[in-house]
PDB file of N, CA and C in Angstrom:
ATOM      1  N   MET A   1     -28.796  29.466  49.252  1.00  0.00           N
ATOM      2  CA  MET A   1     -28.258  28.121  49.093  1.00  0.00           C
ATOM      3  C   MET A   1     -28.775  27.518  47.760  1.00  0.00           C
ATOM      4  N   VAL A   2     -28.411  27.099  47.085  1.00  0.00           N
ATOM      5  CA  VAL A   2     -28.380  26.076  45.368  1.00  0.00           C
ATOM      6  C   VAL A   2     -28.583  24.850  45.542  1.00  0.00           C
ATOM      7  N   PHE A   3     -29.118  23.746  45.439  1.00  0.00           N
ATOM      8  CA  PHE A   3     -28.520  22.489  45.108  1.00  0.00           C
ATOM      9  C   PHE A   3     -28.602  21.968  44.299  1.00  0.00           C
ATOM     10  N   ILE A   4     -27.621  21.601  43.778  1.00  0.00           N
ATOM     11  CA  ILE A   4     -27.532  20.701  42.203  1.00  0.00           C
ATOM     12  C   ILE A   4     -28.334  19.139  42.705  1.00  0.00           C
ATOM     13  N   PHE A   5     -29.321  18.366  41.890  1.00  0.00           N
ATOM     14  CA  PHE A   5     -29.418  16.929  42.145  1.00  0.00           C
ATOM     15  C   PHE A   5     -29.317  16.603  40.969  1.00  0.00           C
ATOM     16  N   ILE A   6     -27.620  15.479  41.194  1.00  0.00           N
ATOM     17  CA  ILE A   6     -27.296  14.425  39.777  1.00  0.00           C
ATOM     18  C   ILE A   6     -28.077  13.206  40.302  1.00  0.00           C
ATOM     19  N   PHE A   7     -28.188  12.440  39.882  1.00  0.00           N
ATOM     20  CA  PHE A   7     -28.706  10.855  39.987  1.00  0.00           C
ATOM     21  C   PHE A   7     -29.626  10.439  41.193  1.00  0.00           C
ATOM     22  N   GLY A   8     -30.284  11.742  41.703  1.00  0.00           N
ATOM     23  CA  GLY A   8     -31.028  11.816  42.691  1.00  0.00           C
ATOM     24  C   GLY A   8     -30.106  12.014  43.966  1.00  0.00           C
ATOM     25  N   THR A   9     -29.363  12.442  44.265  1.00  0.00           N
ATOM     26  CA  THR A   9     -28.696  13.165  44.832  1.00  0.00           C
ATOM     27  C   THR A   9     -27.913  14.396  45.317  1.00  0.00           C
ATOM     28  N   MET A  10     -27.777  15.071  46.323  1.00  0.00           N
ATOM     29  CA  MET A  10     -27.236  16.411  46.582  1.00  0.00           C
ATOM     30  C   MET A  10     -25.549  16.189  46.459  1.00  0.00           C
ATOM     31  N   THR A  11     -25.425  17.560  45.520  1.00  0.00           N
ATOM     32  CA  THR A  11     -23.725  17.598  45.018  1.00  0.00           C
ATOM     33  C   THR A  11     -22.959  17.529  46.369  1.00  0.00           C
ATOM     34  N   ASP A  12     -23.674  18.327  46.788  1.00  0.00           N
ATOM     35  CA  ASP A  12     -22.771  18.470  48.569  1.00  0.00           C
ATOM     36  C   ASP A  12     -22.732  18.073  50.311  1.00  0.00           C
ATOM     37  N   GLU A  13     -23.717  16.491  49.577  1.00  0.00           N
ATOM     38  CA  GLU A  13     -24.056  16.035  50.697  1.00  0.00           C
ATOM     39  C   GLU A  13     -23.073  14.881  51.673  1.00  0.00           C
ATOM     40  N   LYS A  14     -21.534  15.415  50.886  1.00  0.00           N
ATOM     41  CA  LYS A  14     -20.634  14.855  52.059  1.00  0.00           C
ATOM     42  C   LYS A  14     -19.933  16.186  52.380  1.00  0.00           C
ATOM     43  N   GLU A  15     -20.433  17.250  52.152  1.00  0.00           N
ATOM     44  CA  GLU A  15     -19.396  18.635  52.886  1.00  0.00           C
ATOM     45  C   GLU A  15     -20.627  18.402  54.522  1.00  0.00           C
ATOM     46  N   LYS A  16     -21.708  18.019  53.997  1.00  0.00           N
ATOM     47  CA  LYS A  16     -22.906  17.932  55.470  1.00  0.00           C
ATOM     48  C   LYS A  16     -22.265  17.289  56.723  1.00  0.00           C
ATOM     49  N   GLN A  17     -21.645  16.526  56.487  1.00  0.00           N
ATOM     50  CA  GLN A  17     -21.093  15.110  57.468  1.00  0.00           C
ATOM     51  C   GLN A  17     -20.052  14.966  56.608  1.00  0.00           C
ATOM     52  N   PRO A  18     -19.136  15.914  56.880  1.00  0.00           N
ATOM     53  CA  PRO A  18     -17.924  14.992  56.520  1.00  0.00           C
ATOM     54  C   PRO A  18     -17.016  13.851  57.503  1.00  0.00           C
ATOM     55  N   ASN A  19     -17.181  14.548  58.924  1.00  0.00           N
ATOM     56  CA  ASN A  19     -16.844  13.386  59.899  1.00  0.00           C
ATOM     57  C   ASN A  19     -17.686  12.075  60.421  1.00  0.00           C
ATOM     58  N   ASN A  20     -18.592  12.038  59.949  1.00  0.00           N
ATOM     59  CA  ASN A  20     -19.524  11.170  60.182  1.00  0.00           C
ATOM     60  C   ASN A  20     -19.408   9.899  59.373  1.00  0.00           C
ATOM     61  N   PRO A  21     -18.773   8.388  60.366  1.00  0.00           N
ATOM     62  CA  PRO A  21     -18.514   7.638  59.711  1.00  0.00           C
ATOM     63  C   PRO A  21     -19.404   6.912  58.754  1.00  0.00           C
ATOM     64  N   LEU A  22     -20.414   6.690  59.593  1.00  0.00           N
ATOM     65  CA  LEU A  22     -22.180   6.309  58.990  1.00  0.00           C
ATOM     66  C   LEU A  22     -23.202   7.381  58.085  1.00  0.00           C
ATOM     67  N   HIS A  23     -22.816   7.999  57.573  1.00  0.00           N
ATOM     68  CA  HIS A  23     -23.308   8.891  57.208  1.00  0.00           C
ATOM     69  C   HIS A  23     -23.581   8.053  55.577  1.00  0.00           C
ATOM     70  N   GLY A  24     -25.090   7.598  55.045  1.00  0.00           N
ATOM     71  CA  GLY A  24     -25.091   7.382  54.165  1.00  0.00           C
ATOM     72  C   GLY A  24     -25.387   5.505  54.301  1.00  0.00           C
ATOM     73  N   ILE A  25     -24.879   5.175  55.633  1.00  0.00           N
ATOM     74  CA  ILE A  25     -24.890   3.503  56.008  1.00  0.00           C
ATOM     75  C   ILE A  25     -26.293   3.554  56.162  1.00  0.00           C
ATOM     76  N   ARG A  26     -27.051   2.414  56.202  1.00  0.00           N
ATOM     77  CA  ARG A  26     -28.373   2.224  56.403  1.00  0.00           C
ATOM     78  C   ARG A  26     -28.729   1.715  58.125  1.00  0.00           C
ATOM     79  N   LEU A  27     -29.451   1.706  58.659  1.00  0.00           N
ATOM     80  CA  LEU A  27     -28.968   0.730  59.943  1.00  0.00           C
ATOM     81  C   LEU A  27     -29.601  -0.666  59.440  1.00  0.00           C
ATOM     82  N   VAL A  28     -30.268  -1.148  58.217  1.00  0.00           N
ATOM     83  CA  VAL A  28     -30.548  -2.044  58.122  1.00  0.00           C
ATOM     84  C   VAL A  28     -28.953  -3.192  57.820  1.00  0.00           C
ATOM     85  N   ASP A  29     -28.014  -2.203  57.160  1.00  0.00           N
ATOM     86  CA  ASP A  29     -26.876  -2.388  56.679  1.00  0.00           C
ATOM     87  C   ASP A  29     -26.266  -2.892  57.447  1.00  0.00           C
ATOM     88  N   VAL A  30     -26.189  -1.848  58.443  1.00  0.00           N
ATOM     89  CA  VAL A  30     -25.027  -1.895  59.508  1.00  0.00           C
ATOM     90  C   VAL A  30     -25.684  -3.346  60.161  1.00  0.00           C
ATOM     91  N   LEU A  31     -26.451  -3.343  60.639  1.00  0.00           N
ATOM     92  CA  LEU A  31     -26.867  -4.423  61.297  1.00  0.00           C
ATOM     93  C   LEU A  31     -26.702  -6.063  60.454  1.00  0.00           C
ATOM     94  N   ASP A  32     -27.162  -6.196  59.535  1.00  0.00           N
ATOM     95  CA  ASP A  32     -26.858  -6.740  58.613  1.00  0.00           C
ATOM     96  C   ASP A  32     -25.669  -7.431  58.410  1.00  0.00           C
ATOM     97  N   TYR A  33     -24.398  -6.092  57.965  1.00  0.00           N
ATOM     98  CA  TYR A  33     -23.139  -6.726  58.668  1.00  0.00           C
ATOM     99  C   TYR A  33     -22.419  -7.642  59.663  1.00  0.00           C
ATOM    100  N   LEU A  34     -23.336  -6.775  60.821  1.00  0.00           N
ATOM    101  CA  LEU A  34     -22.605  -7.362  62.239  1.00  0.00           C
ATOM    102  C   LEU A  34     -23.449  -8.827  62.343  1.00  0.00           C
ATOM    103  N   VAL A  35     -24.559  -8.932  61.773  1.00  0.00           N
ATOM    104  CA  VAL A  35     -24.845 -10.327  61.850  1.00  0.00           C
ATOM    105  C   VAL A  35     -24.216 -11.591  61.342  1.00  0.00           C
ATOM    106  N   GLN A  36     -23.267 -10.857  59.667  1.00  0.00           N
ATOM    107  CA  GLN A  36     -22.971 -12.155  58.657  1.00  0.00           C
ATOM    108  C   GLN A  36     -21.411 -12.438  59.786  1.00  0.00           C
ATOM    109  N   LYS A  37     -21.196 -11.211  59.913  1.00  0.00           N
ATOM    110  CA  LYS A  37     -19.599 -11.381  60.786  1.00  0.00           C
ATOM    111  C   LYS A  37     -19.547 -11.968  61.711  1.00  0.00           C
ATOM    112  N   TYR A  38     -20.842 -11.949  63.171  1.00  0.00           N
ATOM    113  CA  TYR A  38     -20.406 -12.015  64.167  1.00  0.00           C
ATOM    114  C   TYR A  38     -21.526 -13.061  64.700  1.00  0.00           C
ATOM    115  N   GLY A  39     -22.861 -13.437  64.099  1.00  0.00           N
ATOM    116  CA  GLY A  39     -24.030 -14.026  63.958  1.00  0.00           C
ATOM    117  C   GLY A  39     -24.552 -13.100  65.533  1.00  0.00           C
ATOM    118  N   PHE A  40     -25.955 -13.870  65.618  1.00  0.00           N
ATOM    119  CA  PHE A  40     -26.550 -13.426  66.906  1.00  0.00           C
ATOM    120  C   PHE A  40     -26.197 -13.518  68.093  1.00  0.00           C
ATOM    121  N   LYS A  41     -25.736 -14.555  68.450  1.00  0.00           N
ATOM    122  CA  LYS A  41     -25.234 -15.414  69.369  1.00  0.00           C
ATOM    123  C   LYS A  41     -24.378 -14.529  70.288  1.00  0.00           C
ATOM    124  N   GLU A  42     -22.928 -14.065  69.307  1.00  0.00           N
ATOM    125  CA  GLU A  42     -21.663 -13.385  69.982  1.00  0.00           C
ATOM    126  C   GLU A  42     -21.979 -11.692  69.892  1.00  0.00           C
ATOM    127  N   LEU A  43     -23.341 -11.309  68.962  1.00  0.00           N
ATOM    128  CA  LEU A  43     -23.483 -10.104  68.972  1.00  0.00           C
ATOM    129  C   LEU A  43     -24.347 -10.129  70.401  1.00  0.00           C
ATOM    130  N   GLY A  44     -24.975 -10.906  70.698  1.00  0.00           N
ATOM    131  CA  GLY A  44     -25.259 -10.584  72.420  1.00  0.00           C
ATOM    132  C   GLY A  44     -24.921 -10.974  73.152  1.00  0.00           C
ATOM    133  N   GLU A  45     -23.157 -11.020  73.320  1.00  0.00           N
ATOM    134  CA  GLU A  45     -22.268 -11.709  73.970  1.00  0.00           C
ATOM    135  C   GLU A  45     -21.634 -10.267  73.838  1.00  0.00           C
ATOM    136  N   ARG A  46     -21.374  -9.502  72.858  1.00  0.00           N
ATOM    137  CA  ARG A  46     -20.646  -8.169  73.047  1.00  0.00           C
ATOM    138  C   ARG A  46     -21.813  -6.971  73.456  1.00  0.00           C
ATOM    139  N   ILE A  47     -22.888  -7.036  72.781  1.00  0.00           N
ATOM    140  CA  ILE A  47     -23.593  -6.056  73.178  1.00  0.00           C
ATOM    141  C   ILE A  47     -24.989  -6.697  73.786  1.00  0.00           C
ATOM    142  N   LYS A  48     -25.225  -6.730  75.073  1.00  0.00           N
ATOM    143  CA  LYS A  48     -26.015  -6.759  76.317  1.00  0.00           C
ATOM    144  C   LYS A  48     -27.317  -6.472  75.916  1.00  0.00           C
ATOM    145  N   ILE A  49     -28.352  -6.957  75.121  1.00  0.00           N
ATOM    146  CA  ILE A  49     -28.987  -6.293  73.955  1.00  0.00           C
ATOM    147  C   ILE A  49     -30.180  -7.943  74.279  1.00  0.00           C
ATOM    148  N   ARG A  50     -31.164  -7.726  74.418  1.00  0.00           N
ATOM    149  CA  ARG A  50     -32.049  -9.577  74.440  1.00  0.00           C
ATOM    150  C   ARG A  50     -32.888  -9.253  73.231  1.00  0.00           C
ATOM    151  N   CYS A  51     -32.667  -8.569  72.124  1.00  0.00           N
ATOM    152  CA  CYS A  51     -33.146  -8.558  70.827  1.00  0.00           C
ATOM    153  C   CYS A  51     -31.980  -9.298  70.070  1.00  0.00           C
ATOM    154  N   PHE A  52     -31.324  -9.951  70.568  1.00  0.00           N
ATOM    155  CA  PHE A  52     -29.650 -10.358  69.984  1.00  0.00           C
ATOM    156  C   PHE A  52     -29.630 -11.888  70.410  1.00  0.00           C
ATOM    157  N   THR A  53     -30.271 -12.000  72.071  1.00  0.00           N
ATOM    158  CA  THR A  53     -30.202 -13.361  72.643  1.00  0.00           C
ATOM    159  C   THR A  53     -32.009 -13.770  72.887  1.00  0.00           C
ATOM    160  N   ASN A  54     -33.036 -13.144  72.574  1.00  0.00           N
ATOM    161  CA  ASN A  54     -33.856 -13.877  72.688  1.00  0.00           C
ATOM    162  C   ASN A  54     -34.407 -14.041  71.416  1.00  0.00           C
ATOM    163  N   ASN A  55     -34.670 -15.361  71.038  1.00  0.00           N
ATOM    164  CA  ASN A  55     -35.083 -15.467  69.644  1.00  0.00           C
ATOM    165  C   ASN A  55     -35.104 -14.546  68.553  1.00  0.00           C
ATOM    166  N   PRO A  56     -33.639 -13.937  68.141  1.00  0.00           N
ATOM    167  CA  PRO A  56     -33.578 -12.907  67.215  1.00  0.00           C
ATOM    168  C   PRO A  56     -34.270 -13.336  65.778  1.00  0.00           C
ATOM    169  N   THR A  57     -33.652 -12.532  65.375  1.00  0.00           N
ATOM    170  CA  THR A  57     -34.590 -11.971  63.886  1.00  0.00           C
ATOM    171  C   THR A  57     -33.988 -10.621  63.637  1.00  0.00           C
ATOM    172  N   LEU A  58     -33.582 -10.226  62.060  1.00  0.00           N
ATOM    173  CA  LEU A  58     -33.210  -9.050  61.262  1.00  0.00           C
ATOM    174  C   LEU A  58     -34.343  -8.329  61.662  1.00  0.00           C
ATOM    175  N   LYS A  59     -35.708  -8.530  61.361  1.00  0.00           N
ATOM    176  CA  LYS A  59     -36.637  -8.101  61.310  1.00  0.00           C
ATOM    177  C   LYS A  59     -36.903  -7.134  63.202  1.00  0.00           C
ATOM    178  N   SER A  60     -36.958  -7.638  63.941  1.00  0.00           N
ATOM    179  CA  SER A  60     -36.952  -7.602  65.655  1.00  0.00           C
ATOM    180  C   SER A  60     -36.186  -7.021  65.739  1.00  0.00           C
ATOM    181  N   SER A  61     -34.615  -7.205  65.459  1.00  0.00           N
ATOM    182  CA  SER A  61     -34.022  -6.558  65.846  1.00  0.00           C
ATOM    183  C   SER A  61     -33.748  -4.786  65.707  1.00  0.00           C
ATOM    184  N   LEU A  62     -34.624  -4.764  64.183  1.00  0.00           N
ATOM    185  CA  LEU A  62     -34.195  -3.370  63.440  1.00  0.00           C
ATOM    186  C   LEU A  62     -35.155  -2.477  64.085  1.00  0.00           C
ATOM    187  N   THR A  63     -36.337  -3.415  64.641  1.00  0.00           N
ATOM    188  CA  THR A  63     -37.261  -2.659  65.244  1.00  0.00           C
ATOM    189  C   THR A  63     -37.258  -2.110  66.419  1.00  0.00           C
ATOM    190  N   PHE A  64     -36.739  -2.648  67.150  1.00  0.00           N
ATOM    191  CA  PHE A  64     -36.316  -2.524  69.029  1.00  0.00           C
ATOM    192  C   PHE A  64     -34.548  -1.055  68.696  1.00  0.00           C
ATOM    193  N   LEU A  65     -33.537  -1.390  67.775  1.00  0.00           N
ATOM    194  CA  LEU A  65     -32.965  -0.823  67.333  1.00  0.00           C
ATOM    195  C   LEU A  65     -33.176   0.857  67.042  1.00  0.00           C
ATOM    196  N   ARG A  66     -34.698   0.807  66.405  1.00  0.00           N
ATOM    197  CA  ARG A  66     -34.978   2.099  65.490  1.00  0.00           C
ATOM    198  C   ARG A  66     -35.698   3.001  66.532  1.00  0.00           C
ATOM    199  N   LYS A  67     -35.995   2.050  67.621  1.00  0.00           N
ATOM    200  CA  LYS A  67     -36.922   2.991  68.715  1.00  0.00           C
ATOM    201  C   LYS A  67     -36.246   2.985  69.815  1.00  0.00           C
ATOM    202  N   THR A  68     -34.599   2.379  70.142  1.00  0.00           N
ATOM    203  CA  THR A  68     -34.266   2.943  71.623  1.00  0.00           C
ATOM    204  C   THR A  68     -32.680   3.124  70.890  1.00  0.00           C
ATOM    205  N   PRO A  69     -32.202   4.520  71.324  1.00  0.00           N
ATOM    206  CA  PRO A  69     -31.385   5.116  70.998  1.00  0.00           C
ATOM    207  C   PRO A  69     -30.149   4.613  71.460  1.00  0.00           C
ATOM    208  N   TRP A  70     -30.113   4.224  72.520  1.00  0.00           N
ATOM    209  CA  TRP A  70     -29.077   3.601  73.237  1.00  0.00           C
ATOM    210  C   TRP A  70     -28.806   2.627  73.060  1.00  0.00           C
ATOM    211  N   ALA A  71     -29.390   1.775  72.536  1.00  0.00           N
ATOM    212  CA  ALA A  71     -29.033   0.353  71.995  1.00  0.00           C
ATOM    213  C   ALA A  71     -27.956   0.987  70.287  1.00  0.00           C
ATOM    214  N   ARG A  72     -29.254   1.393  69.543  1.00  0.00           N
ATOM    215  CA  ARG A  72     -28.451   2.018  68.435  1.00  0.00           C
ATOM    216  C   ARG A  72     -27.265   2.275  68.367  1.00  0.00           C
ATOM    217  N   GLU A  73     -26.873   3.214  69.350  1.00  0.00           N
ATOM    218  CA  GLU A  73     -25.425   3.831  69.274  1.00  0.00           C
ATOM    219  C   GLU A  73     -24.075   2.889  69.701  1.00  0.00           C
ATOM    220  N   LYS A  74     -24.516   1.801  70.560  1.00  0.00           N
ATOM    221  CA  LYS A  74     -24.132   0.243  70.692  1.00  0.00           C
ATOM    222  C   LYS A  74     -23.348  -0.177  69.272  1.00  0.00           C
ATOM    223  N   VAL A  75     -24.535  -0.494  68.609  1.00  0.00           N
ATOM    224  CA  VAL A  75     -24.304  -1.369  67.443  1.00  0.00           C
ATOM    225  C   VAL A  75     -23.668  -0.169  66.537  1.00  0.00           C
ATOM    226  N   GLU A  76     -24.104   0.845  66.433  1.00  0.00           N
ATOM    227  CA  GLU A  76     -23.067   1.668  65.386  1.00  0.00           C
ATOM    228  C   GLU A  76     -21.443   1.355  65.808  1.00  0.00           C
ATOM    229  N   GLU A  77     -21.316   1.856  67.256  1.00  0.00           N
ATOM    230  CA  GLU A  77     -20.458   1.613  67.773  1.00  0.00           C
ATOM    231  C   GLU A  77     -19.469   0.839  67.396  1.00  0.00           C
ATOM    232  N   LEU A  78     -19.853  -0.808  67.390  1.00  0.00           N
ATOM    233  CA  LEU A  78     -19.591  -1.906  67.399  1.00  0.00           C
ATOM    234  C   LEU A  78     -18.876  -1.920  65.912  1.00  0.00           C
ATOM    235  N   TYR A  79     -20.169  -1.546  64.880  1.00  0.00           N
ATOM    236  CA  TYR A  79     -20.256  -1.789  63.724  1.00  0.00           C
ATOM    237  C   TYR A  79     -18.567  -0.849  63.449  1.00  0.00           C
ATOM    238  N   ILE A  80     -18.594   0.569  63.750  1.00  0.00           N
ATOM    239  CA  ILE A  80     -17.382   1.641  63.483  1.00  0.00           C
ATOM    240  C   ILE A  80     -16.222   0.615  63.296  1.00  0.00           C
ATOM    241  N   MET A  81     -15.975   0.258  65.085  1.00  0.00           N
ATOM    242  CA  MET A  81     -14.687  -0.404  65.705  1.00  0.00           C
ATOM    243  C   MET A  81     -14.166  -1.346  64.432  1.00  0.00           C
ATOM    244  N   THR A  82     -15.590  -2.643  64.339  1.00  0.00           N
ATOM    245  CA  THR A  82     -14.703  -3.621  62.854  1.00  0.00           C
ATOM    246  C   THR A  82     -14.342  -3.320  62.418  1.00  0.00           C
ATOM    247  N   LYS A  83     -15.441  -2.249  61.462  1.00  0.00           N
ATOM    248  CA  LYS A  83     -14.974  -1.891  60.394  1.00  0.00           C
ATOM    249  C   LYS A  83     -13.446  -1.007  60.118  1.00  0.00           C
ATOM    250  N   ASN A  84     -12.833  -0.376  61.265  1.00  0.00           N
ATOM    251  CA  ASN A  84     -11.511   0.134  61.501  1.00  0.00           C
ATOM    252  C   ASN A  84     -10.626  -0.673  61.683  1.00  0.00           C
ATOM    253  N   ARG A  85     -10.919  -1.925  62.351  1.00  0.00           N
ATOM    254  CA  ARG A  85     -10.251  -3.070  62.817  1.00  0.00           C
ATOM    255  C   ARG A  85      -9.778  -3.727  61.162  1.00  0.00           C
ATOM    256  N   GLU A  86     -10.462  -4.222  60.241  1.00  0.00           N
ATOM    257  CA  GLU A  86     -10.385  -4.537  59.241  1.00  0.00           C
ATOM    258  C   GLU A  86      -9.912  -3.598  58.170  1.00  0.00           C
ATOM    259  N   SER A  87     -10.078  -2.046  57.829  1.00  0.00           N
ATOM    260  CA  SER A  87      -9.105  -1.386  57.458  1.00  0.00           C
ATOM    261  C   SER A  87      -7.670  -1.077  57.890  1.00  0.00           C
ATOM    262  N   ALA A  88      -7.418  -1.993  59.539  1.00  0.00           N
ATOM    263  CA  ALA A  88      -5.901  -1.695  59.399  1.00  0.00           C
ATOM    264  C   ALA A  88      -5.419  -2.501  58.974  1.00  0.00           C
ATOM    265  N   ASN A  89      -6.023  -4.003  58.675  1.00  0.00           N
ATOM    266  CA  ASN A  89      -5.785  -4.956  58.691  1.00  0.00           C
ATOM    267  C   ASN A  89      -4.886  -4.911  57.091  1.00  0.00           C
TER     268      ASN A  89
END
């Protein structure tokens, strides 16, 4: 298979993961969006993860989420649910 690169991206990139709503979205962008939308306090209430309730910072939360798949999945689920609600309105 031959790939053609245009502006540093593969042209068939969307064909690889057409049903993945998180494709191309970085974890830092997901977390930044949720923190701006809800704040760490409400994130800690919605998702019971200590990195959101015990001296939370963006950096420490990213470190934890990158090392903990189950926590990352919960954050990604909240992001998708929130974006879907916004697009429905």
